[in-house]
């Protein structure tokens, strides 16, 4: 068991951190921790009203102000146009981004499609973040970073172990299983994170950017309850609530792997996970995801598909 906590984070004065899904759960706790250390946190959220309330709560918890600034901005990962507009706004107002936390996600929802026609879990959890990262790369390359390097931190899940890549039906048009789709999206997160680091390593110049993956373990957040509510099954809501109470760790602990990846001098391509029971609880440590997540052929194929699907090229 490791004992690292957010209290061990360095001072982040002058740093800019972008957190997707910053208004709740892991994103909320991450935002609060980054801001407490002095970072300007860009809260990239779909629902502006909820995001503004979350920012107000963080300020109130800090006695009316936080050490760093909170910049609430709209970014709907289910819309490639929204992602592009969000990045255009940042480019107008910021010279650099030191950390990007690809945190937002949806879990095990009934099949639906994004604005651009992608299955929603794959579209939001992977493709939206792929497009966001590619568009933000110039600002990441321009940053001094944390410990001398900018970070792209991509949040996966232990559910990646149940994910399988089927490139003949990535958007689940022939058949759909909501948990299988979630697992695939989380496996895609890892394939992307590791392939991004390979491409950074292969670049002619030192880009000053690292790609790191993480997962929070089993954490008590509103993600489970939203999943239960959208299922329409009252028994699922009861089961999720009980599981969260018995098995779930607090969201501030669940956010630690993301915070660790963003601020500790870890290698690019690392996988940060809880170091406790079955890697589902406890403070962060460096671990290893499943073998499928390290498949280079699958990673390259997914990258090519994602580039074509989003129209976003990475300047590497």
Protein backbone atom coordinates (compact mmCIF):
# COMPACT_ATOMS: atom_id res chain seq x y z
CA UNK A 1 0.00 0.00 0.00
CA UNK A 2 1.37 3.42 -0.95
CA UNK A 3 0.67 6.53 1.10
CA UNK A 4 0.84 9.36 -1.49
CA UNK A 5 -1.96 11.91 -1.21
CA UNK A 6 -2.82 15.19 -2.89
CA UNK A 7 -1.09 17.01 -0.03
CA UNK A 8 2.23 15.91 -1.58
CA UNK A 9 1.54 17.74 -4.85
CA UNK A 10 3.98 20.55 -5.65
CA UNK A 11 2.92 24.18 -5.81
CA UNK A 12 1.30 24.90 -9.17
CA UNK A 13 1.33 28.69 -9.23
CA UNK A 14 1.35 29.93 -12.81
CA UNK A 15 0.30 26.56 -14.24
CA UNK A 16 -2.79 26.00 -16.38
CA UNK A 17 -4.66 22.71 -16.04
CA UNK A 18 -7.61 21.64 -18.22
CA UNK A 19 -9.98 19.12 -16.63
CA UNK A 20 -12.88 17.65 -18.59
CA UNK A 21 -15.95 16.75 -16.57
CA UNK A 22 -14.77 19.08 -13.82
CA UNK A 23 -18.18 19.73 -12.28
CA UNK A 24 -18.64 16.38 -10.50
CA UNK A 25 -16.97 13.27 -9.13
CA UNK A 26 -13.31 12.75 -9.92
CA UNK A 27 -13.13 15.89 -12.05
CA UNK A 28 -14.53 18.01 -9.23
CA UNK A 29 -12.06 16.61 -6.69
CA UNK A 30 -9.18 16.98 -9.13
CA UNK A 31 -10.16 20.56 -9.87
CA UNK A 32 -10.31 21.38 -6.18
CA UNK A 33 -6.88 19.85 -5.55
CA UNK A 34 -5.19 21.58 -8.50
CA UNK A 35 -6.69 24.95 -7.56
CA UNK A 36 -5.67 24.55 -3.92
CA UNK A 37 -2.08 24.25 -5.12
CA UNK A 38 -2.33 27.48 -7.11
CA UNK A 39 -3.11 26.29 -10.63
CA UNK A 40 -5.54 28.01 -12.95
CA UNK A 41 -8.04 25.25 -13.70
CA UNK A 42 -10.07 25.39 -16.88
CA UNK A 43 -13.23 23.49 -16.05
CA UNK A 44 -14.27 21.97 -19.39
CA UNK A 45 -17.89 20.93 -18.92
CA UNK A 46 -20.98 20.15 -20.97
CA UNK A 47 -23.48 21.74 -18.58
CA UNK A 48 -22.47 25.30 -17.78
CA UNK A 49 -25.00 25.79 -14.97
CA UNK A 50 -23.71 22.73 -13.11
CA UNK A 51 -20.13 23.78 -13.75
CA UNK A 52 -20.71 27.26 -12.34
CA UNK A 53 -22.34 25.76 -9.25
CA UNK A 54 -19.38 23.43 -8.80
CA UNK A 55 -16.94 26.31 -9.07
CA UNK A 56 -18.93 28.28 -6.50
CA UNK A 57 -18.88 25.28 -4.14
CA UNK A 58 -15.11 24.93 -4.47
CA UNK A 59 -14.65 28.62 -3.72
CA UNK A 60 -17.02 28.42 -0.75
CA UNK A 61 -15.20 25.39 0.66
CA UNK A 62 -11.99 27.40 0.47
CA UNK A 63 -13.51 30.26 2.42
CA UNK A 64 -14.61 32.32 -0.55
CA UNK A 65 -11.52 32.02 -2.75
CA UNK A 66 -8.96 29.43 -3.85
CA UNK A 67 -5.25 29.81 -4.44
CA UNK A 68 -5.71 29.36 -8.19
CA UNK A 69 -8.36 30.64 -10.58
CA UNK A 70 -11.34 28.64 -11.84
CA UNK A 71 -12.22 29.25 -15.49
CA UNK A 72 -15.53 27.61 -16.42
CA UNK A 73 -15.91 26.89 -20.14
CA UNK A 74 -18.30 24.86 -22.26
CA UNK A 75 -16.92 21.73 -23.88
CA UNK A 76 -19.32 19.00 -25.00
CA UNK A 77 -17.28 15.94 -25.91
CA UNK A 78 -20.28 14.56 -27.81
CA UNK A 79 -19.82 17.37 -30.37
CA UNK A 80 -16.64 17.78 -32.40
CA UNK A 81 -17.70 21.35 -33.18
CA UNK A 82 -17.96 22.09 -29.46
CA UNK A 83 -14.47 20.64 -28.88
CA UNK A 84 -13.07 22.80 -31.69
CA UNK A 85 -14.77 25.94 -30.34
CA UNK A 86 -13.48 25.23 -26.83
CA UNK A 87 -9.89 24.96 -28.08
CA UNK A 88 -10.24 28.10 -30.19
CA UNK A 89 -11.30 29.95 -27.05
CA UNK A 90 -8.30 28.67 -25.10
CA UNK A 91 -5.91 29.60 -27.90
CA UNK A 92 -7.28 33.14 -27.77
CA UNK A 93 -6.82 33.48 -24.01
CA UNK A 94 -3.89 31.24 -23.02
CA UNK A 95 -0.31 30.90 -24.23
CA UNK A 96 0.14 27.37 -22.90
CA UNK A 97 -1.56 24.44 -21.15
CA UNK A 98 0.60 22.56 -18.65
CA UNK A 99 -1.73 19.62 -17.94
CA UNK A 100 -4.70 18.14 -19.79
CA UNK A 101 -6.81 15.69 -17.80
CA UNK A 102 -9.03 13.64 -20.11
CA UNK A 103 -11.38 12.73 -17.30
CA UNK A 104 -15.02 13.08 -18.39
CA UNK A 105 -17.01 10.03 -19.39
CA UNK A 106 -20.31 8.23 -19.60
CA UNK A 107 -20.84 4.69 -18.37
CA UNK A 108 -23.09 1.82 -19.46
CA UNK A 109 -25.90 3.92 -20.92
CA UNK A 110 -28.58 2.79 -23.40
CA UNK A 111 -27.37 3.07 -26.97
CA UNK A 112 -27.45 6.58 -28.41
CA UNK A 113 -25.33 8.59 -30.79
CA UNK A 114 -23.31 11.77 -30.53
CA UNK A 115 -23.97 14.84 -32.63
CA UNK A 116 -21.53 13.42 -35.18
CA UNK A 117 -23.13 9.97 -35.35
CA UNK A 118 -20.80 7.94 -33.13
CA UNK A 119 -22.01 5.55 -30.44
CA UNK A 120 -22.03 7.79 -27.39
CA UNK A 121 -19.72 5.91 -25.03
CA UNK A 122 -17.07 5.46 -27.72
CA UNK A 123 -17.67 8.98 -29.05
CA UNK A 124 -17.46 10.78 -25.70
CA UNK A 125 -14.98 8.66 -23.77
CA UNK A 126 -12.50 8.18 -26.62
CA UNK A 127 -13.13 10.21 -29.78
CA UNK A 128 -14.01 13.46 -28.01
CA UNK A 129 -10.82 13.27 -25.96
CA UNK A 130 -8.77 12.23 -28.99
CA UNK A 131 -9.94 15.37 -30.82
CA UNK A 132 -9.43 17.57 -27.76
CA UNK A 133 -5.88 16.33 -27.20
CA UNK A 134 -4.89 16.75 -30.83
CA UNK A 135 -6.23 20.29 -30.98
CA UNK A 136 -4.62 21.25 -27.65
CA UNK A 137 -1.22 19.78 -28.53
CA UNK A 138 0.29 23.12 -29.67
CA UNK A 139 -0.57 24.70 -26.30
CA UNK A 140 0.83 21.67 -24.48
CA UNK A 141 4.06 21.85 -26.49
CA UNK A 142 4.36 25.55 -25.61
CA UNK A 143 4.13 24.90 -21.85
CA UNK A 144 6.84 24.66 -19.22
CA UNK A 145 4.76 21.88 -17.70
CA UNK A 146 5.02 20.35 -14.25
CA UNK A 147 8.46 19.10 -13.25
CA UNK A 148 9.59 20.37 -16.66
CA UNK A 149 7.11 18.47 -18.82
CA UNK A 150 3.51 18.97 -19.93
CA UNK A 151 1.16 16.07 -19.25
CA UNK A 152 -1.76 14.44 -21.04
CA UNK A 153 -3.50 12.31 -18.40
CA UNK A 154 -6.17 9.96 -19.71
CA UNK A 155 -8.60 8.41 -17.26
CA UNK A 156 -9.44 4.77 -17.95
CA UNK A 157 -11.13 2.16 -15.74
CA UNK A 158 -10.63 -1.38 -14.53
CA UNK A 159 -13.50 -2.13 -16.92
CA UNK A 160 -10.97 -1.98 -19.77
CA UNK A 161 -10.19 -5.60 -18.93
CA UNK A 162 -13.61 -6.60 -20.28
CA UNK A 163 -13.20 -4.49 -23.41
CA UNK A 164 -12.61 -5.92 -26.88
CA UNK A 165 -11.81 -4.00 -30.05
CA UNK A 166 -13.99 -4.94 -33.02
CA UNK A 167 -12.91 -2.67 -35.86
CA UNK A 168 -15.70 -3.94 -38.08
CA UNK A 169 -18.30 -2.42 -35.72
CA UNK A 170 -16.68 0.20 -33.49
CA UNK A 171 -19.96 2.10 -33.17
CA UNK A 172 -22.06 -0.92 -32.22
CA UNK A 173 -24.40 -0.69 -35.21
CA UNK A 174 -25.00 -4.44 -35.46
CA UNK A 175 -25.51 -5.19 -31.78
CA UNK A 176 -25.07 -3.33 -28.53
CA UNK A 177 -24.20 -4.24 -24.97
CA UNK A 178 -23.90 -1.21 -22.73
CA UNK A 179 -21.27 -2.70 -20.42
CA UNK A 180 -19.30 -4.18 -23.31
CA UNK A 181 -19.40 -0.78 -25.01
CA UNK A 182 -18.14 0.88 -21.85
CA UNK A 183 -15.29 -1.62 -21.55
CA UNK A 184 -14.30 -1.01 -25.17
CA UNK A 185 -14.27 2.75 -24.67
CA UNK A 186 -12.01 2.38 -21.64
CA UNK A 187 -9.69 0.02 -23.54
CA UNK A 188 -9.61 2.61 -26.33
CA UNK A 189 -8.51 5.21 -23.77
CA UNK A 190 -5.46 3.10 -22.95
CA UNK A 191 -4.62 2.23 -26.55
CA UNK A 192 -4.71 5.96 -27.30
CA UNK A 193 -2.65 7.01 -24.26
CA UNK A 194 0.11 4.51 -24.96
CA UNK A 195 0.17 5.16 -28.72
CA UNK A 196 0.39 8.90 -28.08
CA UNK A 197 3.50 8.33 -25.98
CA UNK A 198 5.03 6.10 -28.68
CA UNK A 199 4.51 8.86 -31.24
CA UNK A 200 5.94 11.45 -28.88
CA UNK A 201 9.00 9.23 -28.41
CA UNK A 202 9.37 8.82 -32.19
CA UNK A 203 9.21 12.57 -32.88
CA UNK A 204 12.37 14.24 -34.18
CA UNK A 205 12.25 16.94 -31.51
CA UNK A 206 11.84 16.80 -27.74
CA UNK A 207 8.22 17.89 -27.48
CA UNK A 208 8.26 18.30 -23.70
CA UNK A 209 4.99 16.36 -23.40
CA UNK A 210 4.17 13.02 -21.76
CA UNK A 211 1.11 10.84 -22.07
CA UNK A 212 0.11 8.95 -18.91
CA UNK A 213 -2.89 6.72 -18.21
CA UNK A 214 -4.64 6.15 -14.92
CA UNK A 215 -7.70 4.58 -13.33
CA UNK A 216 -9.45 5.52 -10.09
CA UNK A 217 -10.40 2.14 -8.70
CA UNK A 218 -13.92 1.66 -7.39
CA UNK A 219 -14.92 5.15 -6.36
CA UNK A 220 -18.21 6.40 -4.97
CA UNK A 221 -19.27 9.09 -7.48
CA UNK A 222 -22.49 10.11 -9.17
CA UNK A 223 -21.40 8.25 -12.34
CA UNK A 224 -22.82 5.01 -10.97
CA UNK A 225 -26.08 6.65 -9.95
CA UNK A 226 -26.50 8.32 -13.35
CA UNK A 227 -25.96 4.93 -14.94
CA UNK A 228 -28.63 3.38 -12.72
CA UNK A 229 -31.08 6.22 -13.38
CA UNK A 230 -30.67 5.97 -17.14
CA UNK A 231 -31.17 2.20 -17.03
CA UNK A 232 -34.79 2.66 -15.94
CA UNK A 233 -34.32 -0.27 -13.54
CA UNK A 234 -35.09 0.66 -9.89
CA UNK A 235 -33.28 -2.46 -8.64
CA UNK A 236 -30.10 -1.31 -10.35
CA UNK A 237 -30.30 1.98 -8.47
CA UNK A 238 -30.59 0.13 -5.17
CA UNK A 239 -27.72 -2.18 -6.10
CA UNK A 240 -25.43 0.66 -7.19
CA UNK A 241 -26.15 2.61 -4.01
CA UNK A 242 -25.35 -0.42 -1.86
CA UNK A 243 -22.17 -1.21 -3.82
CA UNK A 244 -20.97 2.38 -3.49
CA UNK A 245 -21.60 2.32 0.26
CA UNK A 246 -19.82 -1.00 0.83
CA UNK A 247 -17.06 -1.04 -1.80
CA UNK A 248 -16.57 2.53 -2.99
CA UNK A 249 -13.77 4.76 -1.77
CA UNK A 250 -14.22 8.50 -1.46
CA UNK A 251 -13.92 10.56 -4.65
CA UNK A 252 -10.96 12.55 -3.32
CA UNK A 253 -9.01 9.29 -3.00
CA UNK A 254 -10.25 8.09 -6.38
CA UNK A 255 -8.88 11.29 -7.95
CA UNK A 256 -5.38 10.65 -6.60
CA UNK A 257 -4.12 8.54 -9.55
CA UNK A 258 -5.02 11.40 -11.92
CA UNK A 259 -3.33 13.95 -9.65
CA UNK A 260 -0.26 11.71 -9.28
CA UNK A 261 0.03 11.28 -13.05
CA UNK A 262 -0.31 15.04 -13.51
CA UNK A 263 2.31 16.16 -10.99
CA UNK A 264 4.78 13.38 -10.12
CA UNK A 265 7.82 12.66 -12.29
CA UNK A 266 6.56 9.40 -13.79
CA UNK A 267 7.54 7.96 -17.16
CA UNK A 268 5.49 8.59 -20.26
CA UNK A 269 3.31 5.59 -21.01
CA UNK A 270 2.91 4.77 -17.32
CA UNK A 271 -0.33 3.42 -15.86
CA UNK A 272 -1.21 4.84 -12.44
CA UNK A 273 -3.71 2.90 -10.34
CA UNK A 274 -4.72 2.41 -6.70
CA UNK A 275 -2.18 0.39 -4.78
CA UNK A 276 -4.56 -1.31 -2.38
CA UNK A 277 -6.95 -4.27 -2.50
CA UNK A 278 -7.11 -5.70 -6.05
CA UNK A 279 -5.97 -2.27 -7.30
CA UNK A 280 -9.50 -1.00 -6.69
CA UNK A 281 -8.83 0.96 -3.51
CA UNK A 282 -6.01 2.90 -1.91
CA UNK A 283 -3.43 5.50 -2.81
CA UNK A 284 -1.69 5.58 -6.22
CA UNK A 285 1.09 3.41 -7.52
CA UNK A 286 2.51 2.49 -10.92
CA UNK A 287 0.86 -0.67 -12.27
CA UNK A 288 0.13 -2.42 -15.53
CA UNK A 289 -3.06 -2.60 -17.55
CA UNK A 290 -4.10 -5.73 -19.42
CA UNK A 291 -2.15 -7.16 -22.36
CA UNK A 292 -4.72 -6.03 -24.93
CA UNK A 293 -4.10 -2.39 -24.03
CA UNK A 294 -0.48 -2.68 -25.19
CA UNK A 295 -1.35 -4.08 -28.64
CA UNK A 296 0.51 -1.89 -31.12
CA UNK A 297 -1.46 -3.09 -34.16
CA UNK A 298 -4.75 -2.26 -32.41
CA UNK A 299 -3.39 1.10 -31.22
CA UNK A 300 -2.23 2.07 -34.70
CA UNK A 301 -5.50 0.97 -36.26
CA UNK A 302 -7.51 2.88 -33.67
CA UNK A 303 -5.36 5.98 -34.22
CA UNK A 304 -5.95 5.86 -37.98
CA UNK A 305 -9.70 5.42 -37.48
CA UNK A 306 -9.84 8.23 -34.91
CA UNK A 307 -7.95 10.61 -37.19
CA UNK A 308 -10.32 9.91 -40.06
CA UNK A 309 -13.43 10.06 -37.85
CA UNK A 310 -12.58 13.35 -36.13
CA UNK A 311 -10.57 15.06 -38.84
CA UNK A 312 -7.93 15.93 -36.24
CA UNK A 313 -4.25 15.46 -37.08
CA UNK A 314 -1.62 15.51 -34.33
CA UNK A 315 1.41 17.77 -34.94
CA UNK A 316 4.02 15.22 -33.89
